[in-house]
Amino acid sequence: MWSVAESEGIPAQLPVSSPPPWPATVRATLWWHRATEEAIALGGPDSNINITVAMVVDYLDSPVGPYREILASPVLRRPGGGRGVMPRLSVPFIAVDSAASVHGGREHWHLPKVLADFTGDVLEGAGASGPHWLVETQSEGRGPSFPIKGGLGFAQPVVDGLQVASSKMTGRARYAKVTVLAEGPTLTGWLKPGTHHGLQIVSGTMETGMARTISS
């Protein structure tokens, strides 16, 4: 499974999760910045957009109950080639505080989820940490919220191509400035510290569908 060092090490046994679709109610902060050289190298030689996207998410409910999550995509994969009309995230780093969600991510979407500890509020000051890594965020929402309707796409490298899936979302969002600190074996090189443009999902519902394999 495509991953970085921060996404290594999972429990020997995991509870079995239900198959997709997975509906959920969420709050989240996401941010983006120009990809570093390390991020571009990690993304591989595919036709990519050199923007790094990351997010911290609070799932208020889901098929495996409430949980929190952090994920990051070093680069975005361009549309086309069976990937759809929007850029897609490729995620080698993702952590949650739910063992059942670890199973779901790995089994249903080839997302290399691991367990982590979380603190704080995703719309304010939040932290996530594993044995050898740490990410802290401070999210400052600015201006009024506005309605959103759209989604996120994923494209995970697998042996015979890409495993693609999509999440549909509706809710309310607002612009944010997000200050980030990241430490870890690889994160230090590609998840840039500092203050970045971002977006707060102040309330939303989403549904993540089944994955399918396409040739890369």
N, C-alpha and C. Protein backbone atom coordinates (compact mmCIF):
# COMPACT_ATOMS: atom_id res chain seq x y z
N MET A 1 0.84 -1.20 0.00
CA MET A 1 0.00 0.00 0.00
C MET A 1 0.88 1.25 0.00
N TRP A 2 0.59 2.19 -0.90
CA TRP A 2 1.40 3.39 -1.06
C TRP A 2 1.29 4.26 0.19
N SER A 3 2.43 4.56 0.83
CA SER A 3 2.39 5.32 2.07
C SER A 3 3.77 5.88 2.38
N VAL A 4 3.81 6.75 3.40
CA VAL A 4 5.07 7.26 3.92
C VAL A 4 5.31 6.64 5.30
N ALA A 5 6.47 6.94 5.89
CA ALA A 5 6.85 6.32 7.16
C ALA A 5 5.83 6.61 8.26
N GLU A 6 5.21 7.79 8.22
CA GLU A 6 4.24 8.14 9.27
C GLU A 6 2.99 7.27 9.24
N SER A 7 2.75 6.60 8.13
CA SER A 7 1.55 5.74 7.99
C SER A 7 1.90 4.26 8.12
N GLU A 8 3.01 3.95 8.78
CA GLU A 8 3.38 2.56 9.01
C GLU A 8 2.99 2.13 10.41
N GLY A 9 2.67 0.85 10.55
CA GLY A 9 2.36 0.29 11.85
C GLY A 9 0.88 0.32 12.16
N ILE A 10 0.19 -0.82 12.03
CA ILE A 10 -1.23 -0.91 12.35
C ILE A 10 -1.43 -2.09 13.29
N PRO A 11 -2.53 -2.08 14.06
CA PRO A 11 -2.80 -3.21 14.96
C PRO A 11 -2.90 -4.52 14.19
N ALA A 12 -2.54 -5.61 14.86
CA ALA A 12 -2.60 -6.93 14.22
C ALA A 12 -4.01 -7.31 13.85
N GLN A 13 -4.99 -6.90 14.66
CA GLN A 13 -6.39 -7.19 14.39
C GLN A 13 -7.19 -5.90 14.41
N LEU A 14 -8.09 -5.78 13.46
CA LEU A 14 -8.94 -4.60 13.36
C LEU A 14 -10.39 -5.04 13.26
N PRO A 15 -11.31 -4.26 13.85
CA PRO A 15 -12.73 -4.58 13.66
C PRO A 15 -13.13 -4.38 12.21
N VAL A 16 -14.00 -5.24 11.73
CA VAL A 16 -14.43 -5.17 10.33
C VAL A 16 -15.47 -4.07 10.18
N SER A 17 -15.28 -3.22 9.18
CA SER A 17 -16.20 -2.12 8.93
C SER A 17 -17.13 -2.46 7.77
N SER A 18 -18.26 -1.76 7.72
CA SER A 18 -19.22 -1.99 6.64
C SER A 18 -18.69 -1.40 5.33
N PRO A 19 -19.10 -1.96 4.19
CA PRO A 19 -18.63 -1.45 2.89
C PRO A 19 -19.28 -0.11 2.57
N PRO A 20 -18.72 0.62 1.60
CA PRO A 20 -19.33 1.88 1.17
C PRO A 20 -20.66 1.65 0.48
N PRO A 21 -21.45 2.74 0.40
CA PRO A 21 -21.11 4.13 0.72
C PRO A 21 -21.09 4.41 2.22
N TRP A 22 -20.27 5.42 2.59
CA TRP A 22 -20.17 5.86 3.97
C TRP A 22 -20.72 7.29 4.07
N PRO A 23 -21.91 7.47 4.60
CA PRO A 23 -22.41 8.83 4.88
C PRO A 23 -21.84 9.34 6.19
N ALA A 24 -21.71 10.65 6.33
CA ALA A 24 -21.16 11.22 7.55
C ALA A 24 -21.55 12.68 7.67
N THR A 25 -21.56 13.17 8.92
CA THR A 25 -21.69 14.58 9.23
C THR A 25 -20.31 15.07 9.68
N VAL A 26 -19.84 16.19 9.13
CA VAL A 26 -18.45 16.58 9.36
C VAL A 26 -18.29 18.06 9.68
N ARG A 27 -17.17 18.35 10.34
CA ARG A 27 -16.58 19.68 10.47
C ARG A 27 -15.11 19.51 10.10
N ALA A 28 -14.50 20.52 9.48
CA ALA A 28 -13.12 20.31 9.02
C ALA A 28 -12.43 21.65 8.76
N THR A 29 -11.12 21.60 8.79
CA THR A 29 -10.26 22.67 8.27
C THR A 29 -9.33 22.06 7.25
N LEU A 30 -9.26 22.66 6.07
CA LEU A 30 -8.30 22.22 5.06
C LEU A 30 -7.46 23.39 4.59
N TRP A 31 -6.26 23.08 4.13
CA TRP A 31 -5.35 24.13 3.67
C TRP A 31 -4.50 23.59 2.53
N TRP A 32 -3.82 24.51 1.85
CA TRP A 32 -3.02 24.12 0.70
C TRP A 32 -1.83 25.06 0.57
N HIS A 33 -0.79 24.57 -0.12
CA HIS A 33 0.40 25.39 -0.40
C HIS A 33 1.15 24.78 -1.57
N ARG A 34 2.06 25.54 -2.14
CA ARG A 34 2.86 25.06 -3.25
C ARG A 34 3.69 23.86 -2.78
N ALA A 35 3.74 22.82 -3.59
CA ALA A 35 4.45 21.60 -3.22
C ALA A 35 5.95 21.83 -3.16
N THR A 36 6.60 21.24 -2.17
CA THR A 36 8.05 21.27 -2.08
C THR A 36 8.67 20.26 -3.05
N GLU A 37 9.98 20.30 -3.21
CA GLU A 37 10.66 19.32 -4.07
C GLU A 37 10.43 17.90 -3.54
N GLU A 38 10.42 17.75 -2.22
CA GLU A 38 10.18 16.43 -1.63
C GLU A 38 8.78 15.93 -1.97
N ALA A 39 7.80 16.84 -1.93
CA ALA A 39 6.43 16.45 -2.26
C ALA A 39 6.31 16.05 -3.73
N ILE A 40 6.96 16.79 -4.61
CA ILE A 40 6.90 16.48 -6.04
C ILE A 40 7.53 15.11 -6.31
N ALA A 41 8.66 14.84 -5.64
CA ALA A 41 9.30 13.53 -5.80
C ALA A 41 8.41 12.42 -5.27
N LEU A 42 7.75 12.67 -4.15
CA LEU A 42 6.87 11.67 -3.56
C LEU A 42 5.67 11.40 -4.45
N GLY A 43 5.18 12.43 -5.14
CA GLY A 43 4.02 12.27 -6.01
C GLY A 43 4.28 11.42 -7.23
N GLY A 44 5.54 11.30 -7.62
CA GLY A 44 5.87 10.44 -8.75
C GLY A 44 5.81 11.16 -10.08
N PRO A 45 6.10 10.44 -11.18
CA PRO A 45 6.24 11.06 -12.50
C PRO A 45 4.93 11.30 -13.23
N ASP A 46 3.80 10.95 -12.63
CA ASP A 46 2.52 11.15 -13.30
C ASP A 46 2.29 12.63 -13.57
N SER A 47 1.34 12.97 -14.42
CA SER A 47 1.03 14.36 -14.75
C SER A 47 0.29 15.00 -13.59
N ASN A 48 1.03 15.71 -12.75
CA ASN A 48 0.49 16.20 -11.49
C ASN A 48 0.40 17.71 -11.45
N ILE A 49 -0.41 18.20 -10.51
CA ILE A 49 -0.49 19.61 -10.16
C ILE A 49 0.28 19.77 -8.86
N ASN A 50 1.29 20.61 -8.84
CA ASN A 50 2.22 20.67 -7.71
C ASN A 50 1.69 21.56 -6.59
N ILE A 51 0.55 21.14 -6.05
CA ILE A 51 -0.07 21.77 -4.90
C ILE A 51 -0.29 20.69 -3.84
N THR A 52 0.13 20.97 -2.61
CA THR A 52 -0.10 20.08 -1.48
C THR A 52 -1.39 20.50 -0.78
N VAL A 53 -2.24 19.53 -0.47
CA VAL A 53 -3.50 19.77 0.23
C VAL A 53 -3.53 18.89 1.47
N ALA A 54 -3.96 19.46 2.59
CA ALA A 54 -4.07 18.71 3.84
C ALA A 54 -5.33 19.14 4.57
N MET A 55 -5.78 18.31 5.50
CA MET A 55 -6.98 18.65 6.27
C MET A 55 -7.04 17.90 7.58
N VAL A 56 -7.72 18.51 8.54
CA VAL A 56 -8.10 17.84 9.78
C VAL A 56 -9.63 17.83 9.81
N VAL A 57 -10.19 16.66 10.14
CA VAL A 57 -11.63 16.44 10.00
C VAL A 57 -12.19 15.86 11.30
N ASP A 58 -13.34 16.35 11.68
CA ASP A 58 -14.10 15.80 12.81
C ASP A 58 -15.37 15.16 12.24
N TYR A 59 -15.40 13.83 12.23
CA TYR A 59 -16.60 13.11 11.79
C TYR A 59 -17.53 12.98 12.99
N LEU A 60 -18.63 13.71 12.97
CA LEU A 60 -19.57 13.70 14.09
C LEU A 60 -20.36 12.40 14.14
N ASP A 61 -20.56 11.80 12.98
CA ASP A 61 -21.15 10.47 12.89
C ASP A 61 -20.71 9.84 11.59
N SER A 62 -20.74 8.51 11.54
CA SER A 62 -20.33 7.75 10.35
C SER A 62 -20.76 6.31 10.57
N PRO A 63 -20.59 5.43 9.57
CA PRO A 63 -20.92 4.02 9.79
C PRO A 63 -20.09 3.34 10.88
N VAL A 64 -18.95 3.95 11.27
CA VAL A 64 -18.14 3.39 12.37
C VAL A 64 -18.16 4.31 13.59
N GLY A 65 -19.16 5.20 13.65
CA GLY A 65 -19.26 6.10 14.79
C GLY A 65 -18.44 7.37 14.59
N PRO A 66 -18.41 8.25 15.60
CA PRO A 66 -17.63 9.48 15.49
C PRO A 66 -16.13 9.21 15.56
N TYR A 67 -15.35 9.99 14.81
CA TYR A 67 -13.90 9.89 14.90
C TYR A 67 -13.27 11.13 14.30
N ARG A 68 -11.97 11.30 14.53
CA ARG A 68 -11.22 12.41 13.96
C ARG A 68 -10.13 11.89 13.02
N GLU A 69 -9.72 12.77 12.11
CA GLU A 69 -8.82 12.34 11.02
C GLU A 69 -7.92 13.49 10.60
N ILE A 70 -6.72 13.13 10.18
CA ILE A 70 -5.83 14.06 9.49
C ILE A 70 -5.30 13.36 8.25
N LEU A 71 -5.20 14.09 7.14
CA LEU A 71 -4.65 13.51 5.92
C LEU A 71 -3.94 14.59 5.12
N ALA A 72 -3.04 14.14 4.25
CA ALA A 72 -2.33 15.08 3.39
C ALA A 72 -1.98 14.42 2.07
N SER A 73 -2.09 15.19 1.00
CA SER A 73 -1.76 14.76 -0.36
C SER A 73 -0.61 15.62 -0.86
N PRO A 74 0.57 15.06 -1.14
CA PRO A 74 1.72 15.89 -1.52
C PRO A 74 1.53 16.66 -2.81
N VAL A 75 0.85 16.05 -3.80
CA VAL A 75 0.49 16.72 -5.05
C VAL A 75 -0.92 16.27 -5.44
N LEU A 76 -1.50 16.98 -6.39
CA LEU A 76 -2.81 16.60 -6.92
C LEU A 76 -2.63 15.93 -8.28
N ARG A 77 -3.47 14.96 -8.57
CA ARG A 77 -3.43 14.32 -9.89
C ARG A 77 -4.38 15.05 -10.83
N ARG A 78 -3.88 15.32 -12.02
CA ARG A 78 -4.65 16.07 -13.00
C ARG A 78 -5.90 15.30 -13.45
N PRO A 79 -6.94 16.02 -13.89
CA PRO A 79 -8.12 15.34 -14.45
C PRO A 79 -7.76 14.61 -15.74
N GLY A 80 -8.69 13.79 -16.19
CA GLY A 80 -8.51 13.06 -17.43
C GLY A 80 -8.00 11.65 -17.19
N GLY A 81 -7.92 10.88 -18.26
CA GLY A 81 -7.43 9.52 -18.17
C GLY A 81 -8.28 8.63 -17.30
N GLY A 82 -9.58 8.89 -17.27
CA GLY A 82 -10.47 8.11 -16.44
C GLY A 82 -10.60 8.60 -15.02
N ARG A 83 -9.88 9.69 -14.69
CA ARG A 83 -9.90 10.19 -13.32
C ARG A 83 -11.01 11.20 -13.08
N GLY A 84 -11.76 11.56 -14.11
CA GLY A 84 -12.83 12.52 -13.95
C GLY A 84 -12.41 13.91 -14.34
N VAL A 85 -13.26 14.90 -14.02
CA VAL A 85 -13.05 16.28 -14.48
C VAL A 85 -12.41 17.17 -13.44
N MET A 86 -12.20 16.66 -12.22
CA MET A 86 -11.59 17.45 -11.15
C MET A 86 -10.28 16.82 -10.72
N PRO A 87 -9.32 17.64 -10.23
CA PRO A 87 -8.09 17.06 -9.67
C PRO A 87 -8.41 16.14 -8.50
N ARG A 88 -7.56 15.14 -8.29
CA ARG A 88 -7.78 14.16 -7.22
C ARG A 88 -6.61 14.14 -6.25
N LEU A 89 -6.94 13.89 -4.98
CA LEU A 89 -5.93 13.71 -3.95
C LEU A 89 -5.32 12.31 -4.07
N SER A 90 -4.01 12.23 -3.84
CA SER A 90 -3.33 10.95 -3.63
C SER A 90 -2.71 11.02 -2.24
N VAL A 91 -3.10 10.12 -1.35
CA VAL A 91 -2.89 10.28 0.08
C VAL A 91 -1.97 9.19 0.64
N PRO A 92 -0.68 9.52 0.89
CA PRO A 92 0.22 8.55 1.52
C PRO A 92 0.27 8.69 3.03
N PHE A 93 -0.40 9.74 3.57
CA PHE A 93 -0.41 9.98 5.02
C PHE A 93 -1.83 10.27 5.47
N ILE A 94 -2.36 9.40 6.34
CA ILE A 94 -3.70 9.59 6.88
C ILE A 94 -3.78 8.85 8.21
N ALA A 95 -4.31 9.51 9.23
CA ALA A 95 -4.40 8.92 10.56
C ALA A 95 -5.74 9.27 11.19
N VAL A 96 -6.24 8.37 12.01
CA VAL A 96 -7.54 8.52 12.66
C VAL A 96 -7.45 8.01 14.09
N ASP A 97 -8.51 8.25 14.88
CA ASP A 97 -8.55 7.72 16.24
C ASP A 97 -9.61 6.63 16.39
N SER A 98 -9.87 5.89 15.31
CA SER A 98 -10.86 4.82 15.31
C SER A 98 -10.27 3.60 14.60
N ALA A 99 -10.18 2.46 15.30
CA ALA A 99 -9.65 1.25 14.68
C ALA A 99 -10.54 0.77 13.54
N ALA A 100 -11.87 0.94 13.70
CA ALA A 100 -12.78 0.54 12.63
C ALA A 100 -12.59 1.40 11.39
N SER A 101 -12.27 2.68 11.58
CA SER A 101 -11.99 3.55 10.43
C SER A 101 -10.68 3.17 9.76
N VAL A 102 -9.68 2.72 10.54
CA VAL A 102 -8.44 2.21 9.95
C VAL A 102 -8.77 1.07 9.00
N HIS A 103 -9.59 0.13 9.45
CA HIS A 103 -9.98 -0.99 8.59
C HIS A 103 -10.68 -0.49 7.34
N GLY A 104 -11.65 0.42 7.50
CA GLY A 104 -12.40 0.91 6.35
C GLY A 104 -11.52 1.59 5.32
N GLY A 105 -10.62 2.45 5.77
CA GLY A 105 -9.75 3.14 4.84
C GLY A 105 -8.87 2.20 4.05
N ARG A 106 -8.29 1.22 4.73
CA ARG A 106 -7.38 0.30 4.07
C ARG A 106 -8.12 -0.71 3.20
N GLU A 107 -9.25 -1.21 3.68
CA GLU A 107 -9.97 -2.26 2.97
C GLU A 107 -10.75 -1.73 1.78
N HIS A 108 -11.40 -0.58 1.94
CA HIS A 108 -12.34 -0.11 0.92
C HIS A 108 -11.74 0.90 -0.07
N TRP A 109 -10.72 1.66 0.36
CA TRP A 109 -10.22 2.75 -0.49
C TRP A 109 -8.70 2.78 -0.66
N HIS A 110 -7.98 1.79 -0.15
CA HIS A 110 -6.52 1.76 -0.23
C HIS A 110 -5.90 3.02 0.37
N LEU A 111 -6.52 3.54 1.40
CA LEU A 111 -5.97 4.66 2.16
C LEU A 111 -5.18 4.09 3.34
N PRO A 112 -3.89 4.47 3.49
CA PRO A 112 -3.02 3.84 4.50
C PRO A 112 -3.26 4.39 5.91
N LYS A 113 -4.45 4.23 6.42
CA LYS A 113 -4.80 4.79 7.73
C LYS A 113 -4.04 4.08 8.85
N VAL A 114 -3.66 4.89 9.86
CA VAL A 114 -3.09 4.38 11.09
C VAL A 114 -3.78 5.09 12.26
N LEU A 115 -3.56 4.56 13.46
CA LEU A 115 -4.13 5.17 14.65
C LEU A 115 -3.25 6.31 15.15
N ALA A 116 -3.90 7.35 15.69
CA ALA A 116 -3.18 8.50 16.23
C ALA A 116 -3.98 9.09 17.38
N ASP A 117 -3.32 9.96 18.14
CA ASP A 117 -3.97 10.71 19.22
C ASP A 117 -4.31 12.11 18.72
N PHE A 118 -5.49 12.60 19.11
CA PHE A 118 -5.96 13.91 18.66
C PHE A 118 -6.31 14.78 19.86
N THR A 119 -6.11 16.08 19.70
CA THR A 119 -6.47 17.05 20.73
C THR A 119 -7.12 18.26 20.06
N GLY A 120 -7.87 19.03 20.85
CA GLY A 120 -8.38 20.31 20.40
C GLY A 120 -9.60 20.22 19.50
N ASP A 121 -9.83 21.29 18.75
CA ASP A 121 -10.99 21.46 17.89
C ASP A 121 -10.51 21.77 16.48
N VAL A 122 -11.01 21.07 15.48
CA VAL A 122 -10.51 21.24 14.11
C VAL A 122 -10.76 22.64 13.57
N LEU A 123 -11.72 23.38 14.13
CA LEU A 123 -11.99 24.74 13.67
C LEU A 123 -11.25 25.79 14.48
N GLU A 124 -10.45 25.34 15.43
CA GLU A 124 -9.67 26.28 16.26
C GLU A 124 -8.23 25.78 16.31
N GLY A 125 -7.78 25.35 17.48
CA GLY A 125 -6.45 24.78 17.61
C GLY A 125 -6.56 23.27 17.74
N ALA A 126 -5.86 22.52 16.89
CA ALA A 126 -5.98 21.07 16.89
C ALA A 126 -4.59 20.44 16.78
N GLY A 127 -4.48 19.22 17.29
CA GLY A 127 -3.23 18.48 17.19
C GLY A 127 -3.49 17.02 16.88
N ALA A 128 -2.56 16.40 16.18
CA ALA A 128 -2.60 14.96 15.91
C ALA A 128 -1.18 14.44 16.02
N SER A 129 -1.01 13.26 16.62
CA SER A 129 0.35 12.74 16.80
C SER A 129 0.36 11.23 16.78
N GLY A 130 1.47 10.70 16.29
CA GLY A 130 1.76 9.28 16.31
C GLY A 130 3.06 9.04 17.02
N PRO A 131 3.60 7.82 16.96
CA PRO A 131 4.84 7.52 17.69
C PRO A 131 6.01 8.41 17.30
N HIS A 132 6.11 8.79 16.02
CA HIS A 132 7.27 9.55 15.56
C HIS A 132 6.90 10.79 14.76
N TRP A 133 5.68 11.30 14.91
CA TRP A 133 5.28 12.46 14.14
C TRP A 133 4.28 13.31 14.91
N LEU A 134 4.14 14.55 14.48
CA LEU A 134 3.24 15.50 15.13
C LEU A 134 2.80 16.54 14.11
N VAL A 135 1.51 16.87 14.10
CA VAL A 135 1.00 17.98 13.31
C VAL A 135 0.10 18.81 14.22
N GLU A 136 0.33 20.12 14.25
CA GLU A 136 -0.51 21.04 15.00
C GLU A 136 -1.03 22.11 14.05
N THR A 137 -2.30 22.46 14.20
CA THR A 137 -2.92 23.48 13.36
C THR A 137 -3.63 24.50 14.22
N GLN A 138 -3.60 25.75 13.77
CA GLN A 138 -4.39 26.82 14.35
C GLN A 138 -5.21 27.44 13.23
N SER A 139 -6.52 27.28 13.29
CA SER A 139 -7.40 27.72 12.21
C SER A 139 -8.15 28.98 12.62
N GLU A 140 -8.05 30.01 11.80
CA GLU A 140 -8.71 31.29 12.06
C GLU A 140 -9.68 31.60 10.92
N GLY A 141 -10.97 31.36 11.17
CA GLY A 141 -11.98 31.65 10.16
C GLY A 141 -12.15 33.15 9.96
N ARG A 142 -12.36 33.57 8.72
CA ARG A 142 -12.51 34.99 8.41
C ARG A 142 -13.73 35.18 7.51
N GLY A 143 -14.55 36.14 7.88
CA GLY A 143 -15.71 36.45 7.07
C GLY A 143 -16.88 35.53 7.33
N PRO A 144 -18.00 35.80 6.67
CA PRO A 144 -19.20 34.99 6.87
C PRO A 144 -19.09 33.64 6.18
N SER A 145 -19.88 32.70 6.62
CA SER A 145 -19.92 31.39 5.95
C SER A 145 -20.80 31.49 4.71
N PHE A 146 -20.60 30.54 3.80
CA PHE A 146 -21.35 30.51 2.55
C PHE A 146 -21.67 29.06 2.22
N PRO A 147 -22.72 28.82 1.44
CA PRO A 147 -23.08 27.43 1.12
C PRO A 147 -22.09 26.82 0.14
N ILE A 148 -21.83 25.53 0.29
CA ILE A 148 -20.97 24.81 -0.64
C ILE A 148 -21.67 23.53 -1.07
N LYS A 149 -21.36 23.10 -2.27
CA LYS A 149 -21.83 21.81 -2.77
C LYS A 149 -20.80 21.32 -3.76
N GLY A 150 -20.25 20.16 -3.51
CA GLY A 150 -19.21 19.64 -4.38
C GLY A 150 -18.69 18.33 -3.86
N GLY A 151 -17.37 18.16 -3.92
CA GLY A 151 -16.83 16.91 -3.45
C GLY A 151 -15.33 16.84 -3.56
N LEU A 152 -14.79 15.72 -3.13
CA LEU A 152 -13.37 15.42 -3.21
C LEU A 152 -13.19 14.11 -3.94
N GLY A 153 -12.12 14.02 -4.72
CA GLY A 153 -11.79 12.78 -5.39
C GLY A 153 -10.45 12.25 -4.92
N PHE A 154 -10.33 10.93 -4.88
CA PHE A 154 -9.10 10.28 -4.46
C PHE A 154 -8.57 9.40 -5.60
N ALA A 155 -7.26 9.29 -5.70
CA ALA A 155 -6.63 8.41 -6.68
C ALA A 155 -5.41 7.79 -6.01
N GLN A 156 -5.58 6.57 -5.51
CA GLN A 156 -4.52 5.90 -4.77
C GLN A 156 -3.75 4.94 -5.68
N PRO A 157 -2.43 5.07 -5.75
CA PRO A 157 -1.65 4.14 -6.57
C PRO A 157 -1.77 2.70 -6.06
N VAL A 158 -2.03 1.79 -6.97
CA VAL A 158 -2.04 0.36 -6.69
C VAL A 158 -1.23 -0.33 -7.79
N VAL A 159 -1.03 -1.62 -7.64
CA VAL A 159 -0.13 -2.35 -8.55
C VAL A 159 -0.56 -2.20 -10.01
N ASP A 160 -1.86 -2.28 -10.27
CA ASP A 160 -2.33 -2.27 -11.66
C ASP A 160 -2.93 -0.95 -12.10
N GLY A 161 -2.63 0.15 -11.40
CA GLY A 161 -3.13 1.45 -11.83
C GLY A 161 -3.41 2.38 -10.67
N LEU A 162 -4.62 2.94 -10.67
CA LEU A 162 -5.07 3.84 -9.61
C LEU A 162 -6.42 3.36 -9.08
N GLN A 163 -6.57 3.42 -7.77
CA GLN A 163 -7.85 3.14 -7.15
C GLN A 163 -8.53 4.49 -6.91
N VAL A 164 -9.62 4.77 -7.62
CA VAL A 164 -10.26 6.08 -7.54
C VAL A 164 -11.60 5.97 -6.82
N ALA A 165 -11.92 7.01 -6.06
CA ALA A 165 -13.18 7.10 -5.35
C ALA A 165 -13.51 8.57 -5.15
N SER A 166 -14.75 8.86 -4.81
CA SER A 166 -15.20 10.25 -4.65
C SER A 166 -16.08 10.40 -3.43
N SER A 167 -16.01 11.60 -2.84
CA SER A 167 -16.88 11.98 -1.74
C SER A 167 -17.71 13.18 -2.18
N LYS A 168 -19.02 13.10 -1.99
CA LYS A 168 -19.91 14.23 -2.28
C LYS A 168 -20.20 14.96 -0.99
N MET A 169 -20.27 16.31 -1.05
CA MET A 169 -20.48 17.10 0.17
C MET A 169 -21.39 18.28 -0.08
N THR A 170 -22.21 18.59 0.91
CA THR A 170 -22.96 19.84 0.97
C THR A 170 -22.81 20.41 2.37
N GLY A 171 -22.86 21.73 2.49
CA GLY A 171 -22.73 22.33 3.81
C GLY A 171 -22.46 23.81 3.73
N ARG A 172 -21.76 24.31 4.75
CA ARG A 172 -21.38 25.72 4.79
C ARG A 172 -19.90 25.81 5.12
N ALA A 173 -19.23 26.79 4.50
CA ALA A 173 -17.79 26.95 4.66
C ALA A 173 -17.45 28.43 4.78
N ARG A 174 -16.22 28.71 5.18
CA ARG A 174 -15.70 30.08 5.17
C ARG A 174 -14.19 30.04 4.98
N TYR A 175 -13.67 31.13 4.45
CA TYR A 175 -12.22 31.25 4.26
C TYR A 175 -11.52 31.23 5.61
N ALA A 176 -10.30 30.70 5.62
CA ALA A 176 -9.54 30.65 6.87
C ALA A 176 -8.05 30.84 6.57
N LYS A 177 -7.34 31.33 7.56
CA LYS A 177 -5.89 31.28 7.60
C LYS A 177 -5.52 30.15 8.55
N VAL A 178 -4.64 29.27 8.11
CA VAL A 178 -4.30 28.08 8.89
C VAL A 178 -2.79 28.06 9.13
N THR A 179 -2.41 28.11 10.41
CA THR A 179 -1.00 28.04 10.79
C THR A 179 -0.67 26.61 11.18
N VAL A 180 0.41 26.08 10.60
CA VAL A 180 0.72 24.65 10.67
C VAL A 180 2.14 24.43 11.20
N LEU A 181 2.27 23.43 12.06
CA LEU A 181 3.56 22.89 12.46
C LEU A 181 3.53 21.40 12.18
N ALA A 182 4.53 20.87 11.47
CA ALA A 182 4.57 19.45 11.14
C ALA A 182 5.97 18.90 11.38
N GLU A 183 6.04 17.78 12.07
CA GLU A 183 7.30 17.11 12.34
C GLU A 183 7.13 15.62 12.08
N GLY A 184 8.13 15.00 11.51
CA GLY A 184 8.08 13.56 11.26
C GLY A 184 9.14 13.14 10.27
N PRO A 185 9.33 11.83 10.11
CA PRO A 185 10.38 11.34 9.21
C PRO A 185 10.29 11.90 7.80
N THR A 186 9.06 12.04 7.25
CA THR A 186 8.91 12.63 5.92
C THR A 186 8.14 13.94 5.95
N LEU A 187 7.22 14.10 6.88
CA LEU A 187 6.34 15.28 6.89
C LEU A 187 7.13 16.58 6.96
N THR A 188 8.25 16.58 7.67
CA THR A 188 9.07 17.78 7.79
C THR A 188 9.49 18.32 6.43
N GLY A 189 9.63 17.43 5.46
CA GLY A 189 10.09 17.85 4.14
C GLY A 189 9.00 18.25 3.18
N TRP A 190 7.73 17.86 3.42
CA TRP A 190 6.73 18.16 2.40
C TRP A 190 5.43 18.77 2.91
N LEU A 191 5.18 18.75 4.22
CA LEU A 191 4.02 19.47 4.76
C LEU A 191 4.56 20.74 5.41
N LYS A 192 4.50 21.84 4.67
CA LYS A 192 5.23 23.05 5.03
C LYS A 192 4.67 23.71 6.28
N PRO A 193 5.55 24.10 7.22
CA PRO A 193 5.11 24.90 8.34
C PRO A 193 4.79 26.32 7.90
N GLY A 194 4.12 27.06 8.76
CA GLY A 194 3.78 28.44 8.46
C GLY A 194 2.29 28.65 8.34
N THR A 195 1.89 29.79 7.82
CA THR A 195 0.48 30.16 7.69
C THR A 195 0.07 30.08 6.22
N HIS A 196 -1.03 29.38 5.96
CA HIS A 196 -1.46 29.09 4.60
C HIS A 196 -2.93 29.47 4.39
N HIS A 197 -3.31 29.63 3.11
CA HIS A 197 -4.71 29.78 2.77
C HIS A 197 -5.46 28.50 3.10
N GLY A 198 -6.70 28.66 3.55
CA GLY A 198 -7.47 27.48 3.90
C GLY A 198 -8.96 27.70 3.84
N LEU A 199 -9.68 26.70 4.26
CA LEU A 199 -11.13 26.72 4.24
C LEU A 199 -11.62 25.94 5.46
N GLN A 200 -12.58 26.51 6.15
CA GLN A 200 -13.25 25.79 7.23
C GLN A 200 -14.59 25.27 6.73
N ILE A 201 -14.83 23.99 6.90
CA ILE A 201 -16.17 23.42 6.71
C ILE A 201 -16.85 23.51 8.06
N VAL A 202 -17.66 24.54 8.28
CA VAL A 202 -18.24 24.75 9.59
C VAL A 202 -19.38 23.78 9.88
N SER A 203 -20.02 23.28 8.83
CA SER A 203 -21.01 22.21 8.96
C SER A 203 -21.18 21.56 7.60
N GLY A 204 -21.36 20.26 7.59
CA GLY A 204 -21.50 19.60 6.29
C GLY A 204 -21.92 18.15 6.42
N THR A 205 -22.48 17.63 5.35
CA THR A 205 -22.75 16.21 5.23
C THR A 205 -22.04 15.71 3.98
N MET A 206 -21.53 14.49 4.07
CA MET A 206 -20.80 13.94 2.94
C MET A 206 -21.07 12.45 2.82
N GLU A 207 -20.78 11.91 1.65
CA GLU A 207 -20.91 10.47 1.43
C GLU A 207 -19.78 10.04 0.51
N THR A 208 -19.02 9.04 0.96
CA THR A 208 -17.91 8.51 0.18
C THR A 208 -18.34 7.19 -0.45
N GLY A 209 -18.21 7.09 -1.77
CA GLY A 209 -18.68 5.93 -2.50
C GLY A 209 -17.62 4.87 -2.68
N MET A 210 -17.98 3.85 -3.45
CA MET A 210 -17.09 2.73 -3.71
C MET A 210 -15.91 3.14 -4.61
N ALA A 211 -14.80 2.44 -4.46
CA ALA A 211 -13.64 2.69 -5.30
C ALA A 211 -13.67 1.78 -6.52
N ARG A 212 -12.94 2.23 -7.57
CA ARG A 212 -12.79 1.41 -8.76
C ARG A 212 -11.36 1.58 -9.26
N THR A 213 -10.86 0.62 -9.96
CA THR A 213 -9.48 0.65 -10.45
C THR A 213 -9.45 1.08 -11.90
N ILE A 214 -8.54 2.03 -12.22
CA ILE A 214 -8.32 2.44 -13.59
C ILE A 214 -6.83 2.30 -13.90
N SER A 215 -6.50 2.22 -15.17
CA SER A 215 -5.09 2.17 -15.56
C SER A 215 -4.47 3.54 -15.37
N SER A 216 -3.27 3.59 -14.84
CA SER A 216 -2.61 4.89 -14.59
C SER A 216 -1.96 5.41 -15.87
